[in-house]
Amino acid sequence: MLGDAGIIHNRHKVEATIANARTVCDLRDKHGSVAAWLDHHHPMSKEAWVTLFKSTFHFTAGEIVGEFLMSPGYLPGAHRMDCPVIDRIARLRPPWMRI
């Protein structure tokens, strides 16, 4: 399948996905979970997170890192402070609100 250009448009992305999966397994083995690894480094600026991710994972960039870290709440930005669900989010105490 990797040789089929109709399926795979960028072999480097496929290889990065495999390498990143191995990295996730290594982080889990060393820290107990990826969340524990993130907690170990939190808090950091987005720029510092990007540097860390680029040195840890393959094929990452600022936009990818930012979106990834907004999902579990390590960086703000997924919701504005006037968003109707911000009160529910605040009750969950995401990491970016604990600083």
N, C-alpha and C. Protein backbone atom coordinates (compact mmCIF):
# COMPACT_ATOMS: atom_id res chain seq x y z
N MET A 1 0.81 -1.20 0.00
CA MET A 1 0.00 0.00 0.00
C MET A 1 0.86 1.26 0.00
N LEU A 2 2.04 1.21 0.66
CA LEU A 2 2.89 2.39 0.68
C LEU A 2 3.37 2.78 -0.71
N GLY A 3 3.44 1.81 -1.62
CA GLY A 3 3.89 2.09 -2.97
C GLY A 3 2.81 2.62 -3.88
N ASP A 4 1.56 2.62 -3.45
CA ASP A 4 0.44 3.06 -4.27
C ASP A 4 0.23 4.56 -4.08
N ALA A 5 0.63 5.35 -5.07
CA ALA A 5 0.51 6.81 -4.99
C ALA A 5 -0.93 7.27 -4.88
N GLY A 6 -1.88 6.44 -5.30
CA GLY A 6 -3.29 6.79 -5.16
C GLY A 6 -3.76 6.73 -3.72
N ILE A 7 -3.04 5.99 -2.89
CA ILE A 7 -3.39 5.86 -1.48
C ILE A 7 -2.50 6.75 -0.62
N ILE A 8 -1.21 6.67 -0.86
CA ILE A 8 -0.23 7.39 -0.05
C ILE A 8 0.33 8.55 -0.85
N HIS A 9 0.06 9.76 -0.39
CA HIS A 9 0.55 10.95 -1.09
C HIS A 9 1.87 11.45 -0.51
N ASN A 10 2.14 11.10 0.73
CA ASN A 10 3.37 11.57 1.36
C ASN A 10 3.90 10.46 2.27
N ARG A 11 4.86 9.74 1.77
CA ARG A 11 5.45 8.62 2.52
C ARG A 11 6.04 9.10 3.85
N HIS A 12 6.59 10.32 3.87
CA HIS A 12 7.19 10.85 5.10
C HIS A 12 6.16 10.97 6.22
N LYS A 13 4.93 11.33 5.87
CA LYS A 13 3.89 11.42 6.88
C LYS A 13 3.55 10.05 7.45
N VAL A 14 3.53 9.04 6.61
CA VAL A 14 3.27 7.68 7.07
C VAL A 14 4.39 7.23 8.00
N GLU A 15 5.63 7.46 7.58
CA GLU A 15 6.77 7.09 8.41
C GLU A 15 6.76 7.86 9.73
N ALA A 16 6.39 9.14 9.70
CA ALA A 16 6.31 9.94 10.91
C ALA A 16 5.23 9.41 11.85
N THR A 17 4.11 8.98 11.29
CA THR A 17 3.03 8.42 12.11
C THR A 17 3.51 7.18 12.85
N ILE A 18 4.23 6.33 12.17
CA ILE A 18 4.76 5.11 12.80
C ILE A 18 5.78 5.48 13.88
N ALA A 19 6.70 6.39 13.56
CA ALA A 19 7.70 6.81 14.54
C ALA A 19 7.04 7.48 15.75
N ASN A 20 6.04 8.31 15.50
CA ASN A 20 5.35 9.00 16.59
C ASN A 20 4.59 8.02 17.48
N ALA A 21 4.03 6.98 16.89
CA ALA A 21 3.35 5.95 17.69
C ALA A 21 4.36 5.28 18.62
N ARG A 22 5.54 5.02 18.10
CA ARG A 22 6.59 4.44 18.96
C ARG A 22 6.98 5.40 20.08
N THR A 23 7.06 6.67 19.75
CA THR A 23 7.40 7.68 20.76
C THR A 23 6.34 7.74 21.84
N VAL A 24 5.08 7.69 21.45
CA VAL A 24 3.99 7.69 22.43
C VAL A 24 4.12 6.49 23.36
N CYS A 25 4.42 5.33 22.80
CA CYS A 25 4.62 4.13 23.63
C CYS A 25 5.79 4.32 24.58
N ASP A 26 6.87 4.90 24.11
CA ASP A 26 8.04 5.16 24.96
C ASP A 26 7.69 6.14 26.09
N LEU A 27 6.96 7.20 25.75
CA LEU A 27 6.56 8.17 26.77
C LEU A 27 5.67 7.52 27.81
N ARG A 28 4.78 6.67 27.36
CA ARG A 28 3.89 5.95 28.28
C ARG A 28 4.71 5.06 29.21
N ASP A 29 5.69 4.35 28.64
CA ASP A 29 6.52 3.46 29.45
C ASP A 29 7.36 4.24 30.47
N LYS A 30 7.88 5.39 30.08
CA LYS A 30 8.75 6.18 30.96
C LYS A 30 7.99 7.02 31.98
N HIS A 31 6.80 7.51 31.61
CA HIS A 31 6.07 8.45 32.46
C HIS A 31 4.74 7.91 32.97
N GLY A 32 4.33 6.76 32.51
CA GLY A 32 3.05 6.20 32.91
C GLY A 32 1.92 6.52 31.95
N SER A 33 2.02 7.67 31.30
CA SER A 33 1.04 8.08 30.29
C SER A 33 1.56 9.31 29.58
N VAL A 34 0.98 9.61 28.44
CA VAL A 34 1.34 10.84 27.73
C VAL A 34 0.87 12.04 28.56
N ALA A 35 -0.27 11.91 29.22
CA ALA A 35 -0.76 13.00 30.07
C ALA A 35 0.24 13.30 31.19
N ALA A 36 0.84 12.29 31.77
CA ALA A 36 1.84 12.51 32.82
C ALA A 36 3.07 13.22 32.25
N TRP A 37 3.45 12.87 31.02
CA TRP A 37 4.56 13.56 30.35
C TRP A 37 4.22 15.03 30.12
N LEU A 38 2.99 15.29 29.67
CA LEU A 38 2.55 16.67 29.47
C LEU A 38 2.54 17.42 30.81
N ASP A 39 2.01 16.78 31.85
CA ASP A 39 1.97 17.40 33.17
C ASP A 39 3.37 17.72 33.69
N HIS A 40 4.32 16.85 33.40
CA HIS A 40 5.71 17.05 33.82
C HIS A 40 6.28 18.35 33.24
N HIS A 41 5.85 18.71 32.04
CA HIS A 41 6.37 19.89 31.37
C HIS A 41 5.50 21.13 31.54
N HIS A 42 4.30 20.96 32.06
CA HIS A 42 3.36 22.07 32.18
C HIS A 42 3.70 22.91 33.40
N PRO A 43 3.60 24.22 33.38
CA PRO A 43 3.18 25.06 32.27
C PRO A 43 4.37 25.47 31.39
N MET A 44 4.07 25.68 30.14
CA MET A 44 5.05 26.18 29.16
C MET A 44 4.34 27.10 28.19
N SER A 45 5.09 27.98 27.59
CA SER A 45 4.54 28.82 26.53
C SER A 45 4.32 27.95 25.29
N LYS A 46 3.51 28.44 24.38
CA LYS A 46 3.31 27.69 23.14
C LYS A 46 4.63 27.48 22.42
N GLU A 47 5.47 28.49 22.41
CA GLU A 47 6.77 28.38 21.73
C GLU A 47 7.62 27.28 22.35
N ALA A 48 7.63 27.19 23.68
CA ALA A 48 8.39 26.14 24.36
C ALA A 48 7.80 24.76 24.07
N TRP A 49 6.46 24.67 24.03
CA TRP A 49 5.81 23.39 23.68
C TRP A 49 6.22 22.97 22.27
N VAL A 50 6.21 23.91 21.34
CA VAL A 50 6.56 23.59 19.95
C VAL A 50 7.99 23.06 19.89
N THR A 51 8.89 23.71 20.60
CA THR A 51 10.28 23.25 20.63
C THR A 51 10.37 21.84 21.20
N LEU A 52 9.66 21.59 22.29
CA LEU A 52 9.66 20.26 22.90
C LEU A 52 9.10 19.21 21.94
N PHE A 53 7.98 19.52 21.32
CA PHE A 53 7.35 18.55 20.41
C PHE A 53 8.23 18.28 19.20
N LYS A 54 8.86 19.33 18.67
CA LYS A 54 9.73 19.14 17.51
C LYS A 54 10.94 18.28 17.86
N SER A 55 11.40 18.35 19.11
CA SER A 55 12.54 17.53 19.51
C SER A 55 12.11 16.12 19.93
N THR A 56 10.82 15.91 20.10
CA THR A 56 10.31 14.61 20.56
C THR A 56 9.63 13.83 19.45
N PHE A 57 8.85 14.52 18.62
CA PHE A 57 8.05 13.88 17.58
C PHE A 57 8.54 14.27 16.19
N HIS A 58 8.11 13.51 15.20
CA HIS A 58 8.45 13.78 13.81
C HIS A 58 7.30 14.52 13.13
N PHE A 59 7.64 15.38 12.19
CA PHE A 59 6.67 16.04 11.31
C PHE A 59 5.66 16.87 12.10
N THR A 60 6.16 17.64 13.07
CA THR A 60 5.27 18.50 13.85
C THR A 60 5.61 19.95 13.56
N ALA A 61 4.64 20.81 13.73
CA ALA A 61 4.82 22.24 13.54
C ALA A 61 3.94 22.97 14.54
N GLY A 62 4.10 24.26 14.61
CA GLY A 62 3.39 25.06 15.61
C GLY A 62 1.89 24.90 15.61
N GLU A 63 1.29 24.90 14.44
CA GLU A 63 -0.17 24.78 14.35
C GLU A 63 -0.65 23.43 14.88
N ILE A 64 0.05 22.38 14.52
CA ILE A 64 -0.31 21.03 14.97
C ILE A 64 -0.17 20.94 16.49
N VAL A 65 0.93 21.42 17.02
CA VAL A 65 1.17 21.37 18.47
C VAL A 65 0.11 22.18 19.21
N GLY A 66 -0.17 23.38 18.73
CA GLY A 66 -1.16 24.22 19.37
C GLY A 66 -2.54 23.58 19.41
N GLU A 67 -2.98 23.06 18.28
CA GLU A 67 -4.30 22.40 18.23
C GLU A 67 -4.33 21.17 19.13
N PHE A 68 -3.25 20.40 19.10
CA PHE A 68 -3.19 19.20 19.93
C PHE A 68 -3.29 19.56 21.41
N LEU A 69 -2.57 20.58 21.84
CA LEU A 69 -2.55 20.94 23.26
C LEU A 69 -3.78 21.69 23.72
N MET A 70 -4.54 22.28 22.79
CA MET A 70 -5.81 22.90 23.17
C MET A 70 -6.85 21.83 23.50
N SER A 71 -6.79 20.71 22.80
CA SER A 71 -7.81 19.67 23.00
C SER A 71 -7.88 19.18 24.44
N PRO A 72 -6.75 18.80 25.07
CA PRO A 72 -6.83 18.36 26.46
C PRO A 72 -6.70 19.49 27.47
N GLY A 73 -6.59 20.73 26.99
CA GLY A 73 -6.60 21.87 27.89
C GLY A 73 -5.24 22.36 28.37
N TYR A 74 -4.15 21.98 27.70
CA TYR A 74 -2.84 22.46 28.11
C TYR A 74 -2.54 23.86 27.58
N LEU A 75 -3.24 24.28 26.56
CA LEU A 75 -3.12 25.64 26.05
C LEU A 75 -4.52 26.22 25.91
N PRO A 76 -4.67 27.50 26.23
CA PRO A 76 -5.97 28.14 26.01
C PRO A 76 -6.19 28.40 24.53
N GLY A 77 -7.41 28.73 24.19
CA GLY A 77 -7.69 29.15 22.83
C GLY A 77 -8.79 28.38 22.14
N ALA A 78 -9.19 27.24 22.69
CA ALA A 78 -10.26 26.47 22.06
C ALA A 78 -11.60 27.20 22.21
N HIS A 79 -11.73 27.99 23.28
CA HIS A 79 -12.96 28.74 23.53
C HIS A 79 -12.58 30.14 24.01
N ARG A 80 -13.31 31.13 23.55
CA ARG A 80 -13.13 32.49 24.05
C ARG A 80 -13.77 32.59 25.43
N MET A 81 -13.38 33.58 26.18
CA MET A 81 -13.91 33.74 27.53
C MET A 81 -15.40 34.08 27.53
N ASP A 82 -15.93 34.58 26.42
CA ASP A 82 -17.37 34.86 26.36
C ASP A 82 -18.15 33.72 25.72
N CYS A 83 -17.52 32.58 25.50
CA CYS A 83 -18.19 31.41 24.93
C CYS A 83 -19.23 30.88 25.92
N PRO A 84 -20.38 30.46 25.44
CA PRO A 84 -21.43 29.97 26.34
C PRO A 84 -21.03 28.74 27.17
N VAL A 85 -20.02 28.00 26.75
CA VAL A 85 -19.64 26.80 27.52
C VAL A 85 -18.43 27.03 28.42
N ILE A 86 -17.90 28.26 28.47
CA ILE A 86 -16.68 28.49 29.23
C ILE A 86 -16.86 28.20 30.72
N ASP A 87 -18.06 28.39 31.27
CA ASP A 87 -18.29 28.08 32.68
C ASP A 87 -18.15 26.57 32.93
N ARG A 88 -18.67 25.76 32.01
CA ARG A 88 -18.53 24.29 32.15
C ARG A 88 -17.07 23.89 32.04
N ILE A 89 -16.36 24.54 31.15
CA ILE A 89 -14.93 24.24 30.98
C ILE A 89 -14.18 24.63 32.25
N ALA A 90 -14.49 25.78 32.81
CA ALA A 90 -13.81 26.24 34.03
C ALA A 90 -14.02 25.26 35.18
N ARG A 91 -15.20 24.67 35.28
CA ARG A 91 -15.46 23.69 36.35
C ARG A 91 -14.58 22.46 36.21
N LEU A 92 -14.12 22.15 34.99
CA LEU A 92 -13.23 21.01 34.77
C LEU A 92 -11.78 21.33 35.13
N ARG A 93 -11.50 22.59 35.35
CA ARG A 93 -10.15 23.07 35.70
C ARG A 93 -9.07 22.53 34.76
N PRO A 94 -9.15 22.90 33.47
CA PRO A 94 -8.11 22.45 32.54
C PRO A 94 -6.76 23.01 32.96
N PRO A 95 -5.69 22.35 32.56
CA PRO A 95 -4.35 22.79 32.99
C PRO A 95 -4.05 24.26 32.75
N TRP A 96 -4.51 24.83 31.62
CA TRP A 96 -4.18 26.23 31.35
C TRP A 96 -4.85 27.17 32.32
N MET A 97 -5.93 26.75 32.99
CA MET A 97 -6.59 27.60 33.98
C MET A 97 -5.97 27.44 35.37
N ARG A 98 -5.07 26.49 35.56
CA ARG A 98 -4.47 26.26 36.87
C ARG A 98 -3.20 27.07 37.09
N ILE A 99 -2.79 27.80 36.10
CA ILE A 99 -1.52 28.55 36.20
C ILE A 99 -1.67 29.73 37.14
